[in-house]
Amino acid sequence: MFSLNSSHRFLLYQGNCDMRKSFDGLCGLVTSELRREVSSGEVFVFLNRGRTHIKLLHWENGGFVLYYKRLEQGTFHTPKKEQLSWADLVLMIEGIQVHKSRQLRRFHL
């Protein structure tokens, strides 16, 4: 079951990732290059050099979950920032590129 939502924090790995890496290899990138704790509950987003493959690594109770998508046509548009919002991630995965937008302020606790 896809259990990610807007309450999670999404971090984009800025380098190119070898998509042959699985749980242990991606965990190594998180700890050595991102300097983050892999079991923190954050979702780590990895893209390959061609921007045609995406992997999301996430710790849930009991173990890691790895989401993987390969595009048959086109590429993923990647934001320049390291931290992504849920909306950024959904737009990126769905292939929607917004050229001009303005996000209105909302109340946050």
PDB file of N, CA and C in Angstrom:
ATOM      1  N   MET A   1       0.840  -1.177   0.000  1.00  0.00           N
ATOM      2  CA  MET A   1       0.000   0.000   0.000  1.00  0.00           C
ATOM      3  C   MET A   1       0.886   1.242   0.000  1.00  0.00           C
ATOM      4  N   PHE A   2       0.544   2.214  -0.802  1.00  0.00           N
ATOM      5  CA  PHE A   2       1.269   3.477  -0.876  1.00  0.00           C
ATOM      6  C   PHE A   2       0.889   4.315   0.326  1.00  0.00           C
ATOM      7  N   SER A   3       1.793   4.483   1.259  1.00  0.00           N
ATOM      8  CA  SER A   3       1.431   5.128   2.522  1.00  0.00           C
ATOM      9  C   SER A   3       2.104   6.477   2.726  1.00  0.00           C
ATOM     10  N   LEU A   4       2.519   7.135   1.667  1.00  0.00           N
ATOM     11  CA  LEU A   4       3.127   8.449   1.801  1.00  0.00           C
ATOM     12  C   LEU A   4       2.049   9.516   1.662  1.00  0.00           C
ATOM     13  N   ASN A   5       2.270  10.631   2.367  1.00  0.00           N
ATOM     14  CA  ASN A   5       1.315  11.736   2.291  1.00  0.00           C
ATOM     15  C   ASN A   5       2.008  13.041   2.648  1.00  0.00           C
ATOM     16  N   SER A   6       1.231  14.084   2.755  1.00  0.00           N
ATOM     17  CA  SER A   6       1.791  15.418   2.982  1.00  0.00           C
ATOM     18  C   SER A   6       2.407  15.602   4.362  1.00  0.00           C
ATOM     19  N   SER A   7       2.204  14.678   5.263  1.00  0.00           N
ATOM     20  CA  SER A   7       2.802  14.807   6.596  1.00  0.00           C
ATOM     21  C   SER A   7       4.273  14.385   6.616  1.00  0.00           C
ATOM     22  N   HIS A   8       4.741  13.752   5.555  1.00  0.00           N
ATOM     23  CA  HIS A   8       6.136  13.329   5.487  1.00  0.00           C
ATOM     24  C   HIS A   8       7.030  14.456   4.987  1.00  0.00           C
ATOM     25  N   ARG A   9       8.303  14.312   5.291  1.00  0.00           N
ATOM     26  CA  ARG A   9       9.313  15.247   4.794  1.00  0.00           C
ATOM     27  C   ARG A   9      10.063  14.531   3.672  1.00  0.00           C
ATOM     28  N   PHE A  10      10.200  15.176   2.512  1.00  0.00           N
ATOM     29  CA  PHE A  10      10.801  14.566   1.332  1.00  0.00           C
ATOM     30  C   PHE A  10      12.109  15.267   1.011  1.00  0.00           C
ATOM     31  N   LEU A  11      13.177  14.479   0.900  1.00  0.00           N
ATOM     32  CA  LEU A  11      14.500  15.033   0.609  1.00  0.00           C
ATOM     33  C   LEU A  11      15.013  14.458  -0.704  1.00  0.00           C
ATOM     34  N   LEU A  12      15.389  15.334  -1.630  1.00  0.00           N
ATOM     35  CA  LEU A  12      15.876  14.938  -2.941  1.00  0.00           C
ATOM     36  C   LEU A  12      17.390  14.840  -2.917  1.00  0.00           C
ATOM     37  N   TYR A  13      17.902  13.673  -3.274  1.00  0.00           N
ATOM     38  CA  TYR A  13      19.346  13.481  -3.414  1.00  0.00           C
ATOM     39  C   TYR A  13      19.788  14.237  -4.657  1.00  0.00           C
ATOM     40  N   GLN A  14      20.738  15.152  -4.510  1.00  0.00           N
ATOM     41  CA  GLN A  14      21.112  16.048  -5.604  1.00  0.00           C
ATOM     42  C   GLN A  14      22.008  15.408  -6.660  1.00  0.00           C
ATOM     43  N   GLY A  15      22.652  14.306  -6.340  1.00  0.00           N
ATOM     44  CA  GLY A  15      23.504  13.645  -7.315  1.00  0.00           C
ATOM     45  C   GLY A  15      22.730  12.677  -8.185  1.00  0.00           C
ATOM     46  N   ASN A  16      23.454  12.019  -9.081  1.00  0.00           N
ATOM     47  CA  ASN A  16      22.857  10.964  -9.900  1.00  0.00           C
ATOM     48  C   ASN A  16      23.015   9.644  -9.170  1.00  0.00           C
ATOM     49  N   CYS A  17      21.967   8.867  -9.129  1.00  0.00           N
ATOM     50  CA  CYS A  17      21.977   7.621  -8.376  1.00  0.00           C
ATOM     51  C   CYS A  17      22.015   6.427  -9.329  1.00  0.00           C
ATOM     52  N   ASP A  18      22.823   5.451  -8.988  1.00  0.00           N
ATOM     53  CA  ASP A  18      22.862   4.186  -9.711  1.00  0.00           C
ATOM     54  C   ASP A  18      21.619   3.397  -9.308  1.00  0.00           C
ATOM     55  N   MET A  19      20.728   3.168 -10.231  1.00  0.00           N
ATOM     56  CA  MET A  19      19.455   2.519  -9.915  1.00  0.00           C
ATOM     57  C   MET A  19      19.598   1.024  -9.622  1.00  0.00           C
ATOM     58  N   ARG A  20      20.804   0.488  -9.715  1.00  0.00           N
ATOM     59  CA  ARG A  20      21.017  -0.896  -9.293  1.00  0.00           C
ATOM     60  C   ARG A  20      21.077  -0.993  -7.771  1.00  0.00           C
ATOM     61  N   LYS A  21      21.244   0.158  -7.117  1.00  0.00           N
ATOM     62  CA  LYS A  21      21.281   0.169  -5.650  1.00  0.00           C
ATOM     63  C   LYS A  21      19.907  -0.189  -5.104  1.00  0.00           C
ATOM     64  N   SER A  22      19.912  -0.957  -4.042  1.00  0.00           N
ATOM     65  CA  SER A  22      18.669  -1.311  -3.374  1.00  0.00           C
ATOM     66  C   SER A  22      18.701  -0.721  -1.970  1.00  0.00           C
ATOM     67  N   PHE A  23      18.067  -1.383  -1.037  1.00  0.00           N
ATOM     68  CA  PHE A  23      17.927  -0.842   0.317  1.00  0.00           C
ATOM     69  C   PHE A  23      19.264  -0.449   0.944  1.00  0.00           C
ATOM     70  N   ASP A  24      20.208  -1.370   0.997  1.00  0.00           N
ATOM     71  CA  ASP A  24      21.475  -1.104   1.680  1.00  0.00           C
ATOM     72  C   ASP A  24      22.296  -0.025   0.984  1.00  0.00           C
ATOM     73  N   GLY A  25      22.357  -0.066  -0.344  1.00  0.00           N
ATOM     74  CA  GLY A  25      23.108   0.937  -1.092  1.00  0.00           C
ATOM     75  C   GLY A  25      22.528   2.332  -0.933  1.00  0.00           C
ATOM     76  N   LEU A  26      21.214   2.436  -0.982  1.00  0.00           N
ATOM     77  CA  LEU A  26      20.571   3.738  -0.810  1.00  0.00           C
ATOM     78  C   LEU A  26      20.711   4.240   0.623  1.00  0.00           C
ATOM     79  N   CYS A  27      20.631   3.337   1.591  1.00  0.00           N
ATOM     80  CA  CYS A  27      20.851   3.721   2.988  1.00  0.00           C
ATOM     81  C   CYS A  27      22.263   4.276   3.166  1.00  0.00           C
ATOM     82  N   GLY A  28      23.223   3.687   2.469  1.00  0.00           N
ATOM     83  CA  GLY A  28      24.597   4.177   2.518  1.00  0.00           C
ATOM     84  C   GLY A  28      24.707   5.597   1.987  1.00  0.00           C
ATOM     85  N   LEU A  29      24.008   5.902   0.898  1.00  0.00           N
ATOM     86  CA  LEU A  29      24.013   7.269   0.365  1.00  0.00           C
ATOM     87  C   LEU A  29      23.390   8.249   1.352  1.00  0.00           C
ATOM     88  N   VAL A  30      22.321   7.833   1.993  1.00  0.00           N
ATOM     89  CA  VAL A  30      21.639   8.710   2.950  1.00  0.00           C
ATOM     90  C   VAL A  30      22.563   9.047   4.112  1.00  0.00           C
ATOM     91  N   THR A  31      23.222   8.057   4.672  1.00  0.00           N
ATOM     92  CA  THR A  31      24.065   8.317   5.846  1.00  0.00           C
ATOM     93  C   THR A  31      25.379   9.000   5.474  1.00  0.00           C
ATOM     94  N   SER A  32      26.009   8.605   4.371  1.00  0.00           N
ATOM     95  CA  SER A  32      27.325   9.156   4.048  1.00  0.00           C
ATOM     96  C   SER A  32      27.257  10.500   3.325  1.00  0.00           C
ATOM     97  N   GLU A  33      26.318  10.672   2.415  1.00  0.00           N
ATOM     98  CA  GLU A  33      26.297  11.899   1.621  1.00  0.00           C
ATOM     99  C   GLU A  33      25.251  12.909   2.074  1.00  0.00           C
ATOM    100  N   LEU A  34      24.091  12.446   2.494  1.00  0.00           N
ATOM    101  CA  LEU A  34      23.062  13.369   2.970  1.00  0.00           C
ATOM    102  C   LEU A  34      23.197  13.657   4.460  1.00  0.00           C
ATOM    103  N   ARG A  35      23.981  12.830   5.162  1.00  0.00           N
ATOM    104  CA  ARG A  35      24.197  12.992   6.606  1.00  0.00           C
ATOM    105  C   ARG A  35      22.881  12.985   7.379  1.00  0.00           C
ATOM    106  N   ARG A  36      22.015  12.045   7.024  1.00  0.00           N
ATOM    107  CA  ARG A  36      20.711  11.890   7.672  1.00  0.00           C
ATOM    108  C   ARG A  36      20.591  10.501   8.266  1.00  0.00           C
ATOM    109  N   GLU A  37      19.682  10.357   9.214  1.00  0.00           N
ATOM    110  CA  GLU A  37      19.361   9.064   9.812  1.00  0.00           C
ATOM    111  C   GLU A  37      18.293   8.406   8.956  1.00  0.00           C
ATOM    112  N   VAL A  38      18.578   7.209   8.441  1.00  0.00           N
ATOM    113  CA  VAL A  38      17.657   6.556   7.502  1.00  0.00           C
ATOM    114  C   VAL A  38      16.340   6.144   8.144  1.00  0.00           C
ATOM    115  N   SER A  39      16.338   5.928   9.436  1.00  0.00           N
ATOM    116  CA  SER A  39      15.106   5.504  10.110  1.00  0.00           C
ATOM    117  C   SER A  39      14.364   6.677  10.749  1.00  0.00           C
ATOM    118  N   SER A  40      14.607   7.883  10.254  1.00  0.00           N
ATOM    119  CA  SER A  40      13.995   9.087  10.831  1.00  0.00           C
ATOM    120  C   SER A  40      12.538   9.282  10.416  1.00  0.00           C
ATOM    121  N   GLY A  41      12.101   8.554   9.414  1.00  0.00           N
ATOM    122  CA  GLY A  41      10.750   8.739   8.909  1.00  0.00           C
ATOM    123  C   GLY A  41      10.697   9.649   7.692  1.00  0.00           C
ATOM    124  N   GLU A  42      11.828  10.278   7.365  1.00  0.00           N
ATOM    125  CA  GLU A  42      11.891  11.103   6.158  1.00  0.00           C
ATOM    126  C   GLU A  42      11.863  10.197   4.927  1.00  0.00           C
ATOM    127  N   VAL A  43      11.434  10.746   3.808  1.00  0.00           N
ATOM    128  CA  VAL A  43      11.405  10.008   2.549  1.00  0.00           C
ATOM    129  C   VAL A  43      12.525  10.556   1.676  1.00  0.00           C
ATOM    130  N   PHE A  44      13.393   9.670   1.209  1.00  0.00           N
ATOM    131  CA  PHE A  44      14.541  10.060   0.410  1.00  0.00           C
ATOM    132  C   PHE A  44      14.268   9.724  -1.052  1.00  0.00           C
ATOM    133  N   VAL A  45      14.460  10.724  -1.927  1.00  0.00           N
ATOM    134  CA  VAL A  45      14.116  10.616  -3.339  1.00  0.00           C
ATOM    135  C   VAL A  45      15.408  10.574  -4.151  1.00  0.00           C
ATOM    136  N   PHE A  46      15.523   9.573  -5.030  1.00  0.00           N
ATOM    137  CA  PHE A  46      16.713   9.377  -5.844  1.00  0.00           C
ATOM    138  C   PHE A  46      16.323   9.304  -7.314  1.00  0.00           C
ATOM    139  N   LEU A  47      17.128   9.930  -8.173  1.00  0.00           N
ATOM    140  CA  LEU A  47      16.924   9.882  -9.617  1.00  0.00           C
ATOM    141  C   LEU A  47      18.196   9.411 -10.309  1.00  0.00           C
ATOM    142  N   ASN A  48      18.039   8.750 -11.454  1.00  0.00           N
ATOM    143  CA  ASN A  48      19.207   8.344 -12.215  1.00  0.00           C
ATOM    144  C   ASN A  48      19.694   9.506 -13.084  1.00  0.00           C
ATOM    145  N   ARG A  49      20.820   9.319 -13.762  1.00  0.00           N
ATOM    146  CA  ARG A  49      21.428  10.372 -14.569  1.00  0.00           C
ATOM    147  C   ARG A  49      20.491  10.870 -15.670  1.00  0.00           C
ATOM    148  N   GLY A  50      19.784   9.958 -16.323  1.00  0.00           N
ATOM    149  CA  GLY A  50      18.892  10.321 -17.412  1.00  0.00           C
ATOM    150  C   GLY A  50      17.550  10.860 -16.957  1.00  0.00           C
ATOM    151  N   ARG A  51      17.295  10.872 -15.653  1.00  0.00           N
ATOM    152  CA  ARG A  51      16.033  11.338 -15.066  1.00  0.00           C
ATOM    153  C   ARG A  51      14.827  10.555 -15.580  1.00  0.00           C
ATOM    154  N   THR A  52      15.038   9.262 -15.839  1.00  0.00           N
ATOM    155  CA  THR A  52      13.948   8.399 -16.304  1.00  0.00           C
ATOM    156  C   THR A  52      13.511   7.395 -15.245  1.00  0.00           C
ATOM    157  N   HIS A  53      14.274   7.280 -14.165  1.00  0.00           N
ATOM    158  CA  HIS A  53      13.959   6.359 -13.072  1.00  0.00           C
ATOM    159  C   HIS A  53      13.954   7.136 -11.762  1.00  0.00           C
ATOM    160  N   ILE A  54      13.014   6.794 -10.885  1.00  0.00           N
ATOM    161  CA  ILE A  54      12.948   7.429  -9.572  1.00  0.00           C
ATOM    162  C   ILE A  54      12.729   6.351  -8.519  1.00  0.00           C
ATOM    163  N   LYS A  55      13.412   6.502  -7.389  1.00  0.00           N
ATOM    164  CA  LYS A  55      13.218   5.620  -6.241  1.00  0.00           C
ATOM    165  C   LYS A  55      12.972   6.481  -5.017  1.00  0.00           C
ATOM    166  N   LEU A  56      12.051   6.034  -4.176  1.00  0.00           N
ATOM    167  CA  LEU A  56      11.763   6.682  -2.906  1.00  0.00           C
ATOM    168  C   LEU A  56      12.022   5.670  -1.800  1.00  0.00           C
ATOM    169  N   LEU A  57      12.878   6.009  -0.865  1.00  0.00           N
ATOM    170  CA  LEU A  57      13.217   5.137   0.256  1.00  0.00           C
ATOM    171  C   LEU A  57      12.593   5.716   1.515  1.00  0.00           C
ATOM    172  N   HIS A  58      11.876   4.856   2.239  1.00  0.00           N
ATOM    173  CA  HIS A  58      11.148   5.321   3.422  1.00  0.00           C
ATOM    174  C   HIS A  58      11.162   4.232   4.486  1.00  0.00           C
ATOM    175  N   TRP A  59      11.374   4.643   5.733  1.00  0.00           N
ATOM    176  CA  TRP A  59      11.314   3.724   6.875  1.00  0.00           C
ATOM    177  C   TRP A  59       9.913   3.760   7.454  1.00  0.00           C
ATOM    178  N   GLU A  60       9.298   2.597   7.575  1.00  0.00           N
ATOM    179  CA  GLU A  60       8.018   2.456   8.263  1.00  0.00           C
ATOM    180  C   GLU A  60       8.230   1.498   9.423  1.00  0.00           C
ATOM    181  N   ASN A  61       7.265   1.400  10.307  1.00  0.00           N
ATOM    182  CA  ASN A  61       7.388   0.462  11.417  1.00  0.00           C
ATOM    183  C   ASN A  61       7.641  -0.936  10.878  1.00  0.00           C
ATOM    184  N   GLY A  62       8.745  -1.500  11.280  1.00  0.00           N
ATOM    185  CA  GLY A  62       9.054  -2.859  10.880  1.00  0.00           C
ATOM    186  C   GLY A  62      10.035  -2.991   9.740  1.00  0.00           C
ATOM    187  N   GLY A  63      10.301  -1.919   8.995  1.00  0.00           N
ATOM    188  CA  GLY A  63      11.268  -2.053   7.913  1.00  0.00           C
ATOM    189  C   GLY A  63      11.174  -0.952   6.869  1.00  0.00           C
ATOM    190  N   PHE A  64      12.032  -1.092   5.864  1.00  0.00           N
ATOM    191  CA  PHE A  64      12.110  -0.112   4.793  1.00  0.00           C
ATOM    192  C   PHE A  64      11.120  -0.428   3.692  1.00  0.00           C
ATOM    193  N   VAL A  65      10.670   0.621   3.032  1.00  0.00           N
ATOM    194  CA  VAL A  65       9.821   0.510   1.853  1.00  0.00           C
ATOM    195  C   VAL A  65      10.539   1.238   0.729  1.00  0.00           C
ATOM    196  N   LEU A  66      10.554   0.620  -0.448  1.00  0.00           N
ATOM    197  CA  LEU A  66      11.206   1.214  -1.614  1.00  0.00           C
ATOM    198  C   LEU A  66      10.185   1.314  -2.740  1.00  0.00           C
ATOM    199  N   TYR A  67       9.896   2.539  -3.176  1.00  0.00           N
ATOM    200  CA  TYR A  67       9.001   2.775  -4.304  1.00  0.00           C
ATOM    201  C   TYR A  67       9.869   3.065  -5.523  1.00  0.00           C
ATOM    202  N   TYR A  68       9.517   2.492  -6.665  1.00  0.00           N
ATOM    203  CA  TYR A  68      10.353   2.601  -7.863  1.00  0.00           C
ATOM    204  C   TYR A  68       9.462   2.818  -9.069  1.00  0.00           C
ATOM    205  N   LYS A  69       9.807   3.826  -9.875  1.00  0.00           N
ATOM    206  CA  LYS A  69       9.052   4.073 -11.106  1.00  0.00           C
ATOM    207  C   LYS A  69      10.037   4.302 -12.244  1.00  0.00           C
ATOM    208  N   ARG A  70       9.756   3.655 -13.387  1.00  0.00           N
ATOM    209  CA  ARG A  70      10.564   3.834 -14.598  1.00  0.00           C
ATOM    210  C   ARG A  70       9.654   4.407 -15.678  1.00  0.00           C
ATOM    211  N   LEU A  71      10.074   5.516 -16.256  1.00  0.00           N
ATOM    212  CA  LEU A  71       9.303   6.117 -17.337  1.00  0.00           C
ATOM    213  C   LEU A  71       9.633   5.431 -18.655  1.00  0.00           C
ATOM    214  N   GLU A  72       8.632   5.182 -19.459  1.00  0.00           N
ATOM    215  CA  GLU A  72       8.840   4.622 -20.790  1.00  0.00           C
ATOM    216  C   GLU A  72       9.093   5.730 -21.810  1.00  0.00           C
ATOM    217  N   GLN A  73       8.669   6.957 -21.479  1.00  0.00           N
ATOM    218  CA  GLN A  73       8.873   8.086 -22.371  1.00  0.00           C
ATOM    219  C   GLN A  73       8.976   9.343 -21.522  1.00  0.00           C
ATOM    220  N   GLY A  74       9.845  10.251 -21.893  1.00  0.00           N
ATOM    221  CA  GLY A  74       9.992  11.504 -21.170  1.00  0.00           C
ATOM    222  C   GLY A  74      10.948  11.384 -19.989  1.00  0.00           C
ATOM    223  N   THR A  75      11.044  12.458 -19.232  1.00  0.00           N
ATOM    224  CA  THR A  75      11.932  12.505 -18.070  1.00  0.00           C
ATOM    225  C   THR A  75      11.217  13.178 -16.904  1.00  0.00           C
ATOM    226  N   PHE A  76      11.769  12.969 -15.719  1.00  0.00           N
ATOM    227  CA  PHE A  76      11.281  13.648 -14.528  1.00  0.00           C
ATOM    228  C   PHE A  76      11.883  15.044 -14.473  1.00  0.00           C
ATOM    229  N   HIS A  77      11.049  16.047 -14.266  1.00  0.00           N
ATOM    230  CA  HIS A  77      11.536  17.406 -14.029  1.00  0.00           C
ATOM    231  C   HIS A  77      11.957  17.464 -12.566  1.00  0.00           C
ATOM    232  N   THR A  78      13.139  17.971 -12.312  1.00  0.00           N
ATOM    233  CA  THR A  78      13.610  18.000 -10.930  1.00  0.00           C
ATOM    234  C   THR A  78      13.765  19.424 -10.430  1.00  0.00           C
ATOM    235  N   PRO A  79      13.159  19.711  -9.297  1.00  0.00           N
ATOM    236  CA  PRO A  79      13.350  21.030  -8.675  1.00  0.00           C
ATOM    237  C   PRO A  79      14.797  21.187  -8.212  1.00  0.00           C
ATOM    238  N   LYS A  80      15.245  22.405  -8.111  1.00  0.00           N
ATOM    239  CA  LYS A  80      16.625  22.690  -7.697  1.00  0.00           C
ATOM    240  C   LYS A  80      16.827  22.570  -6.191  1.00  0.00           C
ATOM    241  N   LYS A  81      15.730  22.519  -5.438  1.00  0.00           N
ATOM    242  CA  LYS A  81      15.854  22.489  -3.985  1.00  0.00           C
ATOM    243  C   LYS A  81      15.980  21.056  -3.471  1.00  0.00           C
ATOM    244  N   GLU A  82      16.618  20.925  -2.307  1.00  0.00           N
ATOM    245  CA  GLU A  82      16.819  19.601  -1.710  1.00  0.00           C
ATOM    246  C   GLU A  82      15.562  19.090  -1.018  1.00  0.00           C
ATOM    247  N   GLN A  83      14.849  19.964  -0.348  1.00  0.00           N
ATOM    248  CA  GLN A  83      13.636  19.544   0.354  1.00  0.00           C
ATOM    249  C   GLN A  83      12.422  19.796  -0.525  1.00  0.00           C
ATOM    250  N   LEU A  84      11.631  18.751  -0.725  1.00  0.00           N
ATOM    251  CA  LEU A  84      10.446  18.829  -1.571  1.00  0.00           C
ATOM    252  C   LEU A  84       9.195  18.810  -0.708  1.00  0.00           C
ATOM    253  N   SER A  85       8.165  19.455  -1.194  1.00  0.00           N
ATOM    254  CA  SER A  85       6.860  19.338  -0.550  1.00  0.00           C
ATOM    255  C   SER A  85       6.132  18.156  -1.183  1.00  0.00           C
ATOM    256  N   TRP A  86       5.042  17.745  -0.559  1.00  0.00           N
ATOM    257  CA  TRP A  86       4.204  16.672  -1.123  1.00  0.00           C
ATOM    258  C   TRP A  86       3.732  17.081  -2.519  1.00  0.00           C
ATOM    259  N   ALA A  87       3.328  18.329  -2.674  1.00  0.00           N
ATOM    260  CA  ALA A  87       2.851  18.810  -3.975  1.00  0.00           C
ATOM    261  C   ALA A  87       3.960  18.749  -5.025  1.00  0.00           C
ATOM    262  N   ASP A  88       5.188  19.152  -4.656  1.00  0.00           N
ATOM    263  CA  ASP A  88       6.322  19.065  -5.588  1.00  0.00           C
ATOM    264  C   ASP A  88       6.539  17.635  -6.055  1.00  0.00           C
ATOM    265  N   LEU A  89       6.488  16.702  -5.112  1.00  0.00           N
ATOM    266  CA  LEU A  89       6.719  15.297  -5.437  1.00  0.00           C
ATOM    267  C   LEU A  89       5.640  14.748  -6.359  1.00  0.00           C
ATOM    268  N   VAL A  90       4.385  15.037  -6.049  1.00  0.00           N
ATOM    269  CA  VAL A  90       3.281  14.538  -6.872  1.00  0.00           C
ATOM    270  C   VAL A  90       3.373  15.111  -8.283  1.00  0.00           C
ATOM    271  N   LEU A  91       3.635  16.399  -8.407  1.00  0.00           N
ATOM    272  CA  LEU A  91       3.774  17.013  -9.725  1.00  0.00           C
ATOM    273  C   LEU A  91       4.934  16.389 -10.504  1.00  0.00           C
ATOM    274  N   MET A  92       6.046  16.152  -9.827  1.00  0.00           N
ATOM    275  CA  MET A  92       7.207  15.557 -10.481  1.00  0.00           C
ATOM    276  C   MET A  92       6.893  14.143 -10.976  1.00  0.00           C
ATOM    277  N   ILE A  93       6.265  13.327 -10.139  1.00  0.00           N
ATOM    278  CA  ILE A  93       5.961  11.946 -10.514  1.00  0.00           C
ATOM    279  C   ILE A  93       4.916  11.889 -11.626  1.00  0.00           C
ATOM    280  N   GLU A  94       3.947  12.791 -11.589  1.00  0.00           N
ATOM    281  CA  GLU A  94       2.888  12.799 -12.602  1.00  0.00           C
ATOM    282  C   GLU A  94       3.298  13.497 -13.894  1.00  0.00           C
ATOM    283  N   GLY A  95       4.478  14.119 -13.910  1.00  0.00           N
ATOM    284  CA  GLY A  95       4.960  14.756 -15.127  1.00  0.00           C
ATOM    285  C   GLY A  95       4.345  16.104 -15.408  1.00  0.00           C
ATOM    286  N   ILE A  96       3.941  16.789 -14.362  1.00  0.00           N
ATOM    287  CA  ILE A  96       3.340  18.113 -14.524  1.00  0.00           C
ATOM    288  C   ILE A  96       4.380  19.159 -14.156  1.00  0.00           C
ATOM    289  N   GLN A  97       4.649  20.059 -15.092  1.00  0.00           N
ATOM    290  CA  GLN A  97       5.623  21.107 -14.850  1.00  0.00           C
ATOM    291  C   GLN A  97       4.897  22.444 -14.830  1.00  0.00           C
ATOM    292  N   VAL A  98       4.972  23.127 -13.706  1.00  0.00           N
ATOM    293  CA  VAL A  98       4.309  24.411 -13.537  1.00  0.00           C
ATOM    294  C   VAL A  98       5.325  25.496 -13.842  1.00  0.00           C
ATOM    295  N   HIS A  99       5.007  26.345 -14.815  1.00  0.00           N
ATOM    296  CA  HIS A  99       5.941  27.404 -15.204  1.00  0.00           C
ATOM    297  C   HIS A  99       5.769  28.659 -14.358  1.00  0.00           C
ATOM    298  N   LYS A 100       4.537  28.941 -13.985  1.00  0.00           N
ATOM    299  CA  LYS A 100       4.298  30.127 -13.167  1.00  0.00           C
ATOM    300  C   LYS A 100       3.165  29.824 -12.206  1.00  0.00           C
ATOM    301  N   SER A 101       3.440  29.973 -10.931  1.00  0.00           N
ATOM    302  CA  SER A 101       2.406  29.759  -9.927  1.00  0.00           C
ATOM    303  C   SER A 101       2.722  30.596  -8.705  1.00  0.00           C
ATOM    304  N   ARG A 102       1.747  30.715  -7.866  1.00  0.00           N
ATOM    305  CA  ARG A 102       1.923  31.443  -6.621  1.00  0.00           C
ATOM    306  C   ARG A 102       1.168  30.679  -5.553  1.00  0.00           C
ATOM    307  N   GLN A 103       1.853  30.297  -4.496  1.00  0.00           N
ATOM    308  CA  GLN A 103       1.204  29.588  -3.410  1.00  0.00           C
ATOM    309  C   GLN A 103       0.771  30.599  -2.355  1.00  0.00           C
ATOM    310  N   LEU A 104      -0.495  30.571  -2.027  1.00  0.00           N
ATOM    311  CA  LEU A 104      -1.043  31.483  -1.036  1.00  0.00           C
ATOM    312  C   LEU A 104      -0.698  31.008   0.370  1.00  0.00           C
ATOM    313  N   ARG A 105      -0.564  31.942   1.286  1.00  0.00           N
ATOM    314  CA  ARG A 105      -0.244  31.612   2.667  1.00  0.00           C
ATOM    315  C   ARG A 105      -1.380  30.878   3.318  1.00  0.00           C
ATOM    316  N   ARG A 106      -1.065  29.913   4.132  1.00  0.00           N
ATOM    317  CA  ARG A 106      -2.039  29.156   4.899  1.00  0.00           C
ATOM    318  C   ARG A 106      -1.571  29.089   6.339  1.00  0.00           C
ATOM    319  N   PHE A 107      -2.539  28.943   7.232  1.00  0.00           N
ATOM    320  CA  PHE A 107      -2.241  28.815   8.649  1.00  0.00           C
ATOM    321  C   PHE A 107      -1.629  27.447   8.929  1.00  0.00           C
ATOM    322  N   HIS A 108      -0.529  27.400   9.694  1.00  0.00           N
ATOM    323  CA  HIS A 108       0.132  26.162  10.102  1.00  0.00           C
ATOM    324  C   HIS A 108       0.374  26.204  11.594  1.00  0.00           C
ATOM    325  N   LEU A 109       0.149  25.105  12.245  1.00  0.00           N
ATOM    326  CA  LEU A 109       0.450  24.999  13.687  1.00  0.00           C
ATOM    327  C   LEU A 109       1.900  24.738  13.903  1.00  0.00           C
TER     328      LEU A 109
END
